[in-house]
N, C-alpha and C. Protein backbone atom coordinates (compact mmCIF):
# COMPACT_ATOMS: atom_id res chain seq x y z
N MET A 1 113.12 173.79 59.72
CA MET A 1 113.89 172.99 58.77
C MET A 1 114.70 171.95 59.54
N HIS A 2 114.79 170.78 58.99
CA HIS A 2 115.56 169.69 59.58
C HIS A 2 117.04 170.07 59.61
N PRO A 3 117.72 169.88 60.76
CA PRO A 3 119.13 170.31 60.85
C PRO A 3 120.08 169.52 59.95
N HIS A 4 119.70 168.32 59.56
CA HIS A 4 120.52 167.49 58.68
C HIS A 4 119.64 166.97 57.55
N PRO A 5 119.30 167.82 56.58
CA PRO A 5 118.29 167.44 55.59
C PRO A 5 118.67 166.28 54.69
N ASN A 6 119.94 165.93 54.59
CA ASN A 6 120.34 164.83 53.71
C ASN A 6 120.84 163.61 54.48
N SER A 7 120.58 163.56 55.79
CA SER A 7 121.10 162.46 56.59
C SER A 7 120.54 161.11 56.15
N HIS A 8 119.34 161.09 55.57
CA HIS A 8 118.77 159.83 55.09
C HIS A 8 119.61 159.22 53.97
N LEU A 9 120.39 160.06 53.28
CA LEU A 9 121.23 159.55 52.18
C LEU A 9 122.36 158.67 52.70
N LEU A 10 122.69 158.78 53.99
CA LEU A 10 123.75 157.94 54.56
C LEU A 10 123.35 156.47 54.53
N ARG A 11 122.06 156.19 54.52
CA ARG A 11 121.58 154.81 54.51
C ARG A 11 121.49 154.21 53.11
N HIS A 12 121.62 155.03 52.10
CA HIS A 12 121.52 154.55 50.72
C HIS A 12 122.66 153.58 50.41
N GLY A 13 122.32 152.40 49.97
CA GLY A 13 123.34 151.41 49.63
C GLY A 13 123.91 150.65 50.81
N ARG A 14 123.41 150.91 52.00
CA ARG A 14 123.93 150.24 53.19
C ARG A 14 123.46 148.79 53.19
N CYS A 15 124.35 147.90 53.57
CA CYS A 15 123.98 146.50 53.71
C CYS A 15 124.55 145.99 55.02
N SER A 16 124.04 144.87 55.47
CA SER A 16 124.57 144.26 56.68
C SER A 16 124.78 142.77 56.42
N GLU A 17 125.82 142.23 57.03
CA GLU A 17 126.15 140.82 56.85
C GLU A 17 126.37 140.18 58.21
N GLN A 18 125.83 138.98 58.36
CA GLN A 18 126.05 138.23 59.59
C GLN A 18 127.53 137.92 59.73
N GLY A 19 128.02 138.00 60.96
CA GLY A 19 129.41 137.72 61.25
C GLY A 19 130.32 138.94 61.20
N ARG A 20 129.84 140.04 60.67
CA ARG A 20 130.63 141.27 60.59
C ARG A 20 130.39 142.14 61.82
N ALA A 21 131.38 142.96 62.14
CA ALA A 21 131.28 143.89 63.27
C ALA A 21 130.76 145.23 62.79
N TYR A 22 129.95 145.85 63.63
CA TYR A 22 129.36 147.16 63.33
C TYR A 22 129.44 148.05 64.57
N LEU A 23 129.79 149.30 64.36
CA LEU A 23 129.72 150.29 65.42
C LEU A 23 128.47 151.11 65.17
N ILE A 24 127.52 150.99 66.07
CA ILE A 24 126.22 151.64 65.94
C ILE A 24 126.20 152.86 66.85
N THR A 25 125.75 153.97 66.32
CA THR A 25 125.52 155.18 67.11
C THR A 25 124.09 155.61 66.88
N ALA A 26 123.36 155.85 67.94
CA ALA A 26 121.98 156.33 67.83
C ALA A 26 121.79 157.48 68.80
N VAL A 27 121.06 158.48 68.33
CA VAL A 27 120.83 159.70 69.11
C VAL A 27 119.35 159.76 69.49
N VAL A 28 119.09 160.19 70.71
CA VAL A 28 117.72 160.35 71.20
C VAL A 28 117.05 161.50 70.42
N HIS A 29 115.78 161.33 70.14
CA HIS A 29 115.01 162.37 69.43
C HIS A 29 115.19 163.72 70.11
N GLN A 30 115.51 164.72 69.33
CA GLN A 30 115.75 166.09 69.78
C GLN A 30 116.87 166.17 70.81
N ARG A 31 117.71 165.16 70.82
CA ARG A 31 118.88 165.08 71.71
C ARG A 31 118.51 165.30 73.18
N ARG A 32 117.31 164.84 73.54
CA ARG A 32 116.90 164.93 74.95
C ARG A 32 117.83 164.06 75.78
N GLN A 33 118.25 164.55 76.90
CA GLN A 33 119.22 163.85 77.73
C GLN A 33 118.53 162.90 78.70
N ILE A 34 117.83 161.92 78.14
CA ILE A 34 117.04 161.01 78.98
C ILE A 34 117.91 160.02 79.75
N PHE A 35 119.10 159.75 79.27
CA PHE A 35 119.93 158.74 79.95
C PHE A 35 120.70 159.32 81.14
N THR A 36 120.45 160.58 81.48
CA THR A 36 120.99 161.09 82.75
C THR A 36 120.26 160.41 83.91
N ASP A 37 119.07 159.89 83.62
CA ASP A 37 118.36 159.05 84.59
C ASP A 37 118.92 157.64 84.44
N TRP A 38 119.69 157.19 85.41
CA TRP A 38 120.40 155.92 85.30
C TRP A 38 119.44 154.75 85.08
N ARG A 39 118.19 154.88 85.54
CA ARG A 39 117.23 153.79 85.35
C ARG A 39 116.91 153.60 83.88
N LEU A 40 116.81 154.69 83.13
CA LEU A 40 116.55 154.58 81.69
C LEU A 40 117.77 154.02 80.97
N GLY A 41 118.95 154.41 81.43
CA GLY A 41 120.17 153.83 80.87
C GLY A 41 120.23 152.33 81.09
N ARG A 42 119.79 151.89 82.27
CA ARG A 42 119.76 150.45 82.57
C ARG A 42 118.77 149.71 81.68
N LEU A 43 117.65 150.35 81.36
CA LEU A 43 116.69 149.72 80.44
C LEU A 43 117.31 149.53 79.06
N LEU A 44 118.07 150.52 78.62
CA LEU A 44 118.74 150.41 77.32
C LEU A 44 119.77 149.27 77.35
N VAL A 45 120.56 149.22 78.41
CA VAL A 45 121.54 148.14 78.54
C VAL A 45 120.85 146.78 78.59
N ALA A 46 119.68 146.72 79.21
CA ALA A 46 118.91 145.46 79.23
C ALA A 46 118.53 145.04 77.81
N GLU A 47 118.25 146.01 76.95
CA GLU A 47 117.95 145.70 75.55
C GLU A 47 119.20 145.16 74.84
N PHE A 48 120.35 145.75 75.13
CA PHE A 48 121.60 145.23 74.55
C PHE A 48 121.80 143.79 74.99
N LYS A 49 121.58 143.53 76.28
CA LYS A 49 121.75 142.18 76.82
C LYS A 49 120.75 141.21 76.20
N ARG A 50 119.50 141.66 76.03
CA ARG A 50 118.47 140.81 75.43
C ARG A 50 118.88 140.41 74.01
N ALA A 51 119.36 141.35 73.22
CA ALA A 51 119.80 141.06 71.85
C ALA A 51 120.96 140.07 71.87
N HIS A 52 121.86 140.22 72.83
CA HIS A 52 123.00 139.31 72.96
C HIS A 52 122.53 137.91 73.36
N ASP A 53 121.67 137.85 74.39
CA ASP A 53 121.20 136.56 74.89
C ASP A 53 120.35 135.81 73.87
N GLN A 54 119.64 136.54 73.02
CA GLN A 54 118.83 135.90 71.99
C GLN A 54 119.63 135.61 70.72
N LYS A 55 120.93 135.82 70.79
CA LYS A 55 121.86 135.51 69.69
C LYS A 55 121.64 136.36 68.44
N TRP A 56 121.06 137.56 68.62
CA TRP A 56 120.97 138.48 67.49
C TRP A 56 122.36 139.05 67.21
N VAL A 57 123.11 139.30 68.30
CA VAL A 57 124.44 139.89 68.18
C VAL A 57 125.37 139.29 69.23
N ASN A 58 126.65 139.49 68.99
CA ASN A 58 127.65 139.32 70.02
C ASN A 58 128.02 140.74 70.42
N SER A 59 127.56 141.18 71.59
CA SER A 59 127.87 142.53 72.05
C SER A 59 129.31 142.58 72.51
N ILE A 60 130.07 143.47 71.92
CA ILE A 60 131.49 143.60 72.26
C ILE A 60 131.69 144.71 73.29
N ALA A 61 131.05 145.85 73.07
CA ALA A 61 131.16 146.97 73.99
C ALA A 61 130.04 147.96 73.73
N TRP A 62 129.74 148.78 74.73
CA TRP A 62 128.78 149.86 74.53
C TRP A 62 129.11 151.00 75.46
N VAL A 63 128.66 152.17 75.09
CA VAL A 63 128.78 153.37 75.90
C VAL A 63 127.43 154.08 75.83
N VAL A 64 126.86 154.38 76.98
CA VAL A 64 125.60 155.12 77.02
C VAL A 64 125.92 156.53 77.52
N MET A 65 125.62 157.51 76.69
CA MET A 65 125.84 158.92 77.00
C MET A 65 124.47 159.54 77.30
N PRO A 66 124.44 160.77 77.81
CA PRO A 66 123.15 161.36 78.19
C PRO A 66 122.10 161.41 77.06
N ASP A 67 122.55 161.61 75.81
CA ASP A 67 121.58 161.76 74.73
C ASP A 67 121.83 160.84 73.54
N HIS A 68 122.72 159.87 73.70
CA HIS A 68 123.00 158.94 72.61
C HIS A 68 123.74 157.72 73.15
N PHE A 69 123.91 156.73 72.27
CA PHE A 69 124.72 155.58 72.67
C PHE A 69 125.56 155.10 71.50
N HIS A 70 126.63 154.39 71.84
CA HIS A 70 127.48 153.71 70.88
C HIS A 70 127.45 152.23 71.28
N TRP A 71 127.34 151.37 70.28
CA TRP A 71 127.23 149.93 70.55
C TRP A 71 128.04 149.20 69.50
N LEU A 72 129.07 148.49 69.94
CA LEU A 72 129.92 147.70 69.05
C LEU A 72 129.44 146.25 69.11
N VAL A 73 129.00 145.74 67.96
CA VAL A 73 128.41 144.40 67.91
C VAL A 73 128.97 143.62 66.73
N GLN A 74 128.89 142.32 66.87
CA GLN A 74 129.09 141.42 65.74
C GLN A 74 127.71 140.85 65.45
N LEU A 75 127.22 141.08 64.25
CA LEU A 75 125.87 140.68 63.88
C LEU A 75 125.82 139.16 63.72
N GLU A 76 124.88 138.53 64.42
CA GLU A 76 124.74 137.07 64.37
C GLU A 76 123.50 136.65 63.58
N GLN A 77 122.36 137.26 63.84
CA GLN A 77 121.12 136.91 63.16
C GLN A 77 120.42 138.18 62.74
N HIS A 78 119.56 138.07 61.76
CA HIS A 78 118.75 139.19 61.30
C HIS A 78 119.65 140.25 60.65
N SER A 79 119.02 141.33 60.23
CA SER A 79 119.79 142.42 59.61
C SER A 79 120.04 143.51 60.64
N LEU A 80 120.93 144.39 60.29
CA LEU A 80 121.21 145.54 61.16
C LEU A 80 119.95 146.38 61.34
N ALA A 81 119.19 146.57 60.28
CA ALA A 81 117.94 147.33 60.36
C ALA A 81 116.96 146.67 61.32
N GLN A 82 116.83 145.34 61.25
CA GLN A 82 115.92 144.63 62.15
C GLN A 82 116.38 144.75 63.60
N LEU A 83 117.69 144.66 63.81
CA LEU A 83 118.24 144.80 65.16
C LEU A 83 117.89 146.17 65.73
N MET A 84 118.12 147.22 64.96
CA MET A 84 117.87 148.57 65.45
C MET A 84 116.38 148.81 65.66
N GLN A 85 115.56 148.30 64.77
CA GLN A 85 114.12 148.46 64.93
C GLN A 85 113.65 147.79 66.22
N ALA A 86 114.13 146.57 66.47
CA ALA A 86 113.74 145.85 67.68
C ALA A 86 114.25 146.55 68.93
N THR A 87 115.46 147.04 68.89
CA THR A 87 116.06 147.69 70.06
C THR A 87 115.37 149.01 70.37
N LYS A 88 115.11 149.80 69.35
CA LYS A 88 114.53 151.13 69.57
C LYS A 88 113.03 151.11 69.80
N SER A 89 112.34 150.05 69.39
CA SER A 89 110.89 150.04 69.50
C SER A 89 110.36 149.23 70.66
N HIS A 90 111.23 148.63 71.43
CA HIS A 90 110.78 147.82 72.57
C HIS A 90 110.01 148.71 73.54
N PRO A 91 108.96 148.20 74.16
CA PRO A 91 108.12 149.02 75.04
C PRO A 91 108.88 149.74 76.15
N HIS A 92 109.99 149.19 76.60
CA HIS A 92 110.76 149.87 77.65
C HIS A 92 111.30 151.22 77.19
N HIS A 93 111.34 151.44 75.89
CA HIS A 93 111.88 152.69 75.39
C HIS A 93 110.81 153.73 75.12
N GLN A 94 109.68 153.58 75.80
CA GLN A 94 108.61 154.56 75.71
C GLN A 94 108.42 155.20 77.09
N PRO A 95 109.50 155.69 77.71
CA PRO A 95 109.37 156.20 79.08
C PRO A 95 108.61 157.51 79.13
N SER A 96 108.01 157.74 80.24
CA SER A 96 107.37 159.03 80.51
C SER A 96 108.39 159.86 81.28
N VAL A 97 109.10 160.69 80.57
CA VAL A 97 110.18 161.48 81.18
C VAL A 97 109.74 162.92 81.32
N LYS A 98 109.83 163.45 82.51
CA LYS A 98 109.50 164.85 82.73
C LYS A 98 110.78 165.64 82.80
N GLN A 99 110.74 166.84 82.21
CA GLN A 99 111.94 167.68 82.25
C GLN A 99 111.69 168.92 83.06
């Protein structure tokens, strides 16, 4: 059974607006601690920088933890959903991690 069976309801009615600030938190699938490998953490930060440099967001701050990250942004272009899809689906985030 899914540990948070109603978590999808948190997205119901959510909207995003350009120019507004958002605190984004995302957790790695199954809370695997992949960011204990500093190289993978650097790849994630490179994605934050890419989004900033391409004017999708104004990155204000971020924190990368072993199994999740927090990212404070001001949305500049696109929607919050598009930003997250682009950030999480970039090829660099398909690492081959051995545990």
